[in-house]
């Protein structure tokens, strides 16, 4: 399997995109602003979106994606997410006020959009890859994802704060190669990180101490104004784990 980083920032600028990953050619893990860099043909090829949660930086491109390519496809785009996340999309985005409800709009072959609820711990298998929702702890219902090709695994934490069940699940993964984990705030914003249920470097170090398997660690979701200071603190707090900052267009193969 191949996972391409389309966006991994906690904000936007000319060079920065919010969270989204392209798994092979047809699956998105989250759909932040990085999706907008794909070509029309690449967008047309996306069949599935797996969402970690309902926050805007992780869903921003879904309305534009389905409106752009829904007319060019003969099968609907499927969104996989927790029931609470799907309810949020339906009630607050695809509600005919913010955007049309594309579950009700046909391109001649059927609806352009369908929803598929997921459950924590229950794998969805697509083309030989198992995509398993993992427990997360955020201000809205949220998950991380375990992507397993059979030969190797990658874990993406999604947005989360401290959460022992996440590490219990990760430590059961025998072929773990990569861990992408958020650190949204610097340590000087510790109180805000706790309030917003994100990680800061000191909390990250405490969480990584719960990891009992070798893995390459990549840090994501950094706030644009605090990239340098946050990564400096990450290296001070968690040097033993050799964490690297995730970069736009980084490709993982596993």
Protein backbone atom coordinates (compact mmCIF):
# COMPACT_ATOMS: atom_id res chain seq x y z
CA UNK A 1 0.00 0.00 0.00
CA UNK A 2 1.05 3.59 -0.56
CA UNK A 3 -0.13 6.53 1.56
CA UNK A 4 0.53 10.04 0.23
CA UNK A 5 0.32 13.05 2.54
CA UNK A 6 -1.89 15.67 0.89
CA UNK A 7 -2.09 17.90 3.96
CA UNK A 8 -0.78 17.69 7.51
CA UNK A 9 -0.95 21.22 8.92
CA UNK A 10 -3.07 22.72 11.66
CA UNK A 11 -3.76 25.70 9.39
CA UNK A 12 -3.46 27.04 5.86
CA UNK A 13 -1.13 29.22 3.80
CA UNK A 14 0.34 29.07 0.31
CA UNK A 15 2.49 26.09 1.35
CA UNK A 16 0.28 24.50 4.03
CA UNK A 17 -2.77 22.26 3.75
CA UNK A 18 -5.03 20.75 6.40
CA UNK A 19 -5.27 17.04 7.09
CA UNK A 20 -5.78 14.58 4.27
CA UNK A 21 -4.06 11.44 2.99
CA UNK A 22 -4.50 9.53 -0.28
CA UNK A 23 -4.30 5.75 0.13
CA UNK A 24 -3.27 4.23 -3.19
CA UNK A 25 -5.39 6.04 -5.78
CA UNK A 26 -8.96 5.72 -4.57
CA UNK A 27 -9.22 6.17 -0.78
CA UNK A 28 -8.96 9.36 1.26
CA UNK A 29 -8.19 9.35 4.96
CA UNK A 30 -9.78 12.67 5.97
CA UNK A 31 -10.52 15.35 3.40
CA UNK A 32 -8.96 18.64 4.44
CA UNK A 33 -7.73 21.32 2.09
CA UNK A 34 -4.90 19.16 0.71
CA UNK A 35 -7.48 17.37 -1.47
CA UNK A 36 -7.69 20.52 -3.59
CA UNK A 37 -4.20 19.87 -5.00
CA UNK A 38 -5.32 16.70 -6.79
CA UNK A 39 -6.03 16.75 -10.51
CA UNK A 40 -9.55 16.34 -11.82
CA UNK A 41 -8.72 12.81 -12.92
CA UNK A 42 -7.31 11.97 -9.48
CA UNK A 43 -10.42 13.38 -7.81
CA UNK A 44 -12.63 11.35 -10.11
CA UNK A 45 -10.86 8.16 -9.03
CA UNK A 46 -11.66 8.54 -5.32
CA UNK A 47 -14.28 5.99 -4.24
CA UNK A 48 -14.04 6.12 -0.43
CA UNK A 49 -13.41 8.68 2.31
CA UNK A 50 -12.64 7.57 5.87
CA UNK A 51 -13.13 10.41 8.35
CA UNK A 52 -11.58 10.68 11.79
CA UNK A 53 -14.13 13.24 13.00
CA UNK A 54 -16.35 16.13 11.94
CA UNK A 55 -14.13 19.19 12.39
CA UNK A 56 -13.84 21.48 9.39
CA UNK A 57 -10.10 21.07 8.82
CA UNK A 58 -10.71 17.35 8.21
CA UNK A 59 -13.85 17.57 6.03
CA UNK A 60 -13.47 20.88 4.17
CA UNK A 61 -13.09 19.47 0.65
CA UNK A 62 -15.87 16.88 0.71
CA UNK A 63 -18.62 19.25 -0.54
CA UNK A 64 -16.45 20.50 -3.42
CA UNK A 65 -15.22 16.99 -4.24
CA UNK A 66 -18.66 15.47 -4.66
CA UNK A 67 -19.97 18.50 -6.55
CA UNK A 68 -16.98 18.44 -8.90
CA UNK A 69 -16.79 14.76 -9.81
CA UNK A 70 -20.18 13.32 -8.83
CA UNK A 71 -21.41 13.99 -12.35
CA UNK A 72 -18.42 12.14 -13.83
CA UNK A 73 -18.83 8.90 -11.87
CA UNK A 74 -21.15 5.90 -12.24
CA UNK A 75 -20.89 4.83 -8.58
CA UNK A 76 -21.45 6.99 -5.50
CA UNK A 77 -18.70 8.36 -3.30
CA UNK A 78 -18.84 6.51 0.04
CA UNK A 79 -18.08 8.28 3.31
CA UNK A 80 -17.08 5.97 6.16
CA UNK A 81 -17.31 7.54 9.61
CA UNK A 82 -18.77 7.20 13.08
CA UNK A 83 -22.56 7.63 13.13
CA UNK A 84 -22.13 10.89 15.07
CA UNK A 85 -19.79 12.22 12.39
CA UNK A 86 -22.19 11.28 9.60
CA UNK A 87 -25.03 12.98 11.49
CA UNK A 88 -22.92 16.14 11.76
CA UNK A 89 -22.24 16.12 8.02
CA UNK A 90 -25.90 15.62 7.23
CA UNK A 91 -27.23 18.18 9.69
CA UNK A 92 -24.65 20.92 9.21
CA UNK A 93 -23.17 20.55 5.71
CA UNK A 94 -25.38 18.58 3.32
CA UNK A 95 -28.55 20.23 4.56
CA UNK A 96 -29.54 22.39 1.54
CA UNK A 97 -28.48 25.48 3.53
CA UNK A 98 -24.69 25.17 3.49
CA UNK A 99 -24.59 22.70 0.58
CA UNK A 100 -27.01 20.45 -1.34
CA UNK A 101 -27.76 16.97 -0.02
CA UNK A 102 -26.00 14.86 -2.62
CA UNK A 103 -27.55 11.70 -1.23
CA UNK A 104 -30.73 12.98 -2.85
CA UNK A 105 -29.15 14.04 -6.15
CA UNK A 106 -28.66 11.49 -8.91
CA UNK A 107 -26.19 11.62 -11.77
CA UNK A 108 -28.42 9.21 -13.72
CA UNK A 109 -26.89 6.07 -12.21
CA UNK A 110 -27.94 6.66 -8.59
CA UNK A 111 -27.07 8.98 -5.71
CA UNK A 112 -23.73 10.78 -5.82
CA UNK A 113 -23.04 10.24 -2.11
CA UNK A 114 -23.70 7.46 0.39
CA UNK A 115 -22.82 7.04 4.06
CA UNK A 116 -21.33 3.94 5.68
CA UNK A 117 -21.17 3.90 9.51
CA UNK A 118 -18.07 2.48 11.16
CA UNK A 119 -17.44 1.05 14.60
CA UNK A 120 -14.26 1.17 16.65
CA UNK A 121 -12.31 -2.06 16.26
CA UNK A 122 -14.27 -3.32 13.23
CA UNK A 123 -12.11 -3.46 10.11
CA UNK A 124 -13.26 -2.45 6.64
CA UNK A 125 -11.40 -4.43 3.97
CA UNK A 126 -10.85 -2.80 0.58
CA UNK A 127 -8.55 -4.26 -2.08
CA UNK A 128 -6.65 -6.32 0.47
CA UNK A 129 -6.07 -3.43 2.87
CA UNK A 130 -7.75 -3.54 6.26
CA UNK A 131 -8.77 -0.13 7.62
CA UNK A 132 -9.64 -0.37 11.30
CA UNK A 133 -11.00 2.54 13.38
CA UNK A 134 -9.06 3.04 16.60
CA UNK A 135 -10.24 4.75 19.80
CA UNK A 136 -9.45 8.46 20.16
CA UNK A 137 -10.27 11.14 22.73
CA UNK A 138 -11.32 14.49 21.27
CA UNK A 139 -13.96 17.16 21.88
CA UNK A 140 -16.26 15.47 19.36
CA UNK A 141 -16.60 11.73 18.70
CA UNK A 142 -13.40 10.73 16.89
CA UNK A 143 -11.27 7.81 15.77
CA UNK A 144 -7.77 7.13 14.53
CA UNK A 145 -7.05 4.52 11.85
CA UNK A 146 -4.93 1.39 11.57
CA UNK A 147 -4.04 0.71 7.92
CA UNK A 148 -2.82 -2.86 7.40
CA UNK A 149 -1.57 -4.11 4.03
CA UNK A 150 -0.72 -7.53 5.44
CA UNK A 151 3.01 -6.85 5.06
CA UNK A 152 3.04 -3.79 7.28
CA UNK A 153 0.88 -1.34 9.18
CA UNK A 154 0.56 2.41 9.63
CA UNK A 155 -1.39 4.10 12.41
CA UNK A 156 -2.80 7.61 12.18
CA UNK A 157 -3.96 8.95 15.53
CA UNK A 158 -6.34 11.56 14.14
CA UNK A 159 -7.04 14.35 16.62
CA UNK A 160 -6.71 13.08 20.17
CA UNK A 161 -5.43 13.81 23.63
CA UNK A 162 -4.21 11.25 26.16
CA UNK A 163 -6.08 7.98 25.74
CA UNK A 164 -4.91 4.61 27.05
CA UNK A 165 -7.30 2.54 24.84
CA UNK A 166 -5.52 3.91 21.75
CA UNK A 167 -2.17 2.57 22.96
CA UNK A 168 -3.64 -0.74 23.99
CA UNK A 169 -4.87 -1.15 20.40
CA UNK A 170 -1.58 0.00 18.86
CA UNK A 171 0.47 -2.36 21.02
CA UNK A 172 -1.46 -5.30 19.59
CA UNK A 173 -0.28 -4.51 16.03
CA UNK A 174 2.50 -6.98 15.27
CA UNK A 175 3.59 -5.49 11.93
CA UNK A 176 3.58 -1.81 12.91
CA UNK A 177 5.97 0.34 10.86
CA UNK A 178 4.75 3.92 11.09
CA UNK A 179 2.89 6.07 13.59
CA UNK A 180 1.54 9.48 12.57
CA UNK A 181 0.47 11.35 15.69
CA UNK A 182 -0.79 14.86 16.27
CA UNK A 183 0.85 17.55 18.37
CA UNK A 184 -1.34 20.57 17.81
CA UNK A 185 0.04 23.00 20.40
CA UNK A 186 3.34 24.00 21.95
CA UNK A 187 3.90 23.27 25.62
CA UNK A 188 3.30 26.91 26.53
CA UNK A 189 -0.30 26.25 25.44
CA UNK A 190 -0.63 23.22 27.70
CA UNK A 191 -3.92 24.40 29.23
CA UNK A 192 -5.43 25.04 25.79
CA UNK A 193 -4.27 21.63 24.59
CA UNK A 194 -6.03 20.00 27.53
CA UNK A 195 -9.19 22.07 26.98
CA UNK A 196 -9.27 21.35 23.23
CA UNK A 197 -8.30 17.69 23.72
CA UNK A 198 -5.14 17.83 21.64
CA UNK A 199 -1.54 16.95 22.44
CA UNK A 200 1.38 19.26 23.17
CA UNK A 201 5.02 18.05 23.38
CA UNK A 202 4.98 17.20 27.09
CA UNK A 203 1.75 15.23 26.68
CA UNK A 204 3.11 13.59 23.54
CA UNK A 205 6.13 12.31 25.46
CA UNK A 206 3.86 10.84 28.13
CA UNK A 207 1.79 9.10 25.45
CA UNK A 208 4.77 7.74 23.50
CA UNK A 209 6.00 6.13 26.71
CA UNK A 210 2.96 3.85 26.39
CA UNK A 211 4.13 2.56 22.98
CA UNK A 212 5.73 -0.86 23.37
CA UNK A 213 6.49 -1.59 19.71
CA UNK A 214 9.15 -0.11 17.43
CA UNK A 215 7.84 2.37 14.87
CA UNK A 216 8.90 5.44 12.95
CA UNK A 217 7.16 8.43 14.55
CA UNK A 218 5.85 11.38 12.50
CA UNK A 219 4.35 14.53 14.02
CA UNK A 220 1.34 16.16 12.36
CA UNK A 221 -1.22 18.94 12.90
CA UNK A 222 1.28 21.63 13.96
CA UNK A 223 -0.06 25.19 14.18
CA UNK A 224 1.62 27.27 11.43
CA UNK A 225 2.77 30.04 13.78
CA UNK A 226 4.35 27.55 16.21
CA UNK A 227 6.02 24.95 13.98
CA UNK A 228 9.61 25.74 15.00
CA UNK A 229 8.99 26.07 18.73
CA UNK A 230 6.72 23.02 18.88
CA UNK A 231 9.16 20.76 17.04
CA UNK A 232 12.00 22.03 19.24
CA UNK A 233 9.98 21.06 22.29
CA UNK A 234 9.05 17.71 20.72
CA UNK A 235 12.73 16.89 20.23
CA UNK A 236 13.51 17.96 23.81
CA UNK A 237 10.64 16.00 25.37
CA UNK A 238 10.61 12.91 23.17
CA UNK A 239 14.13 12.60 21.77
CA UNK A 240 14.28 8.89 22.62
CA UNK A 241 11.61 8.19 19.98
CA UNK A 242 13.36 10.10 17.18
CA UNK A 243 10.18 11.89 16.06
CA UNK A 244 10.13 13.54 12.64
CA UNK A 245 7.88 16.33 11.40
CA UNK A 246 5.47 15.06 8.76
CA UNK A 247 5.88 16.90 5.48
CA UNK A 248 3.48 17.69 2.67
CA UNK A 249 3.69 15.01 -0.07
CA UNK A 250 5.52 12.52 2.17
CA UNK A 251 4.79 9.02 0.87
CA UNK A 252 4.65 5.92 3.07
CA UNK A 253 4.88 2.42 1.59
CA UNK A 254 3.96 -0.58 3.69
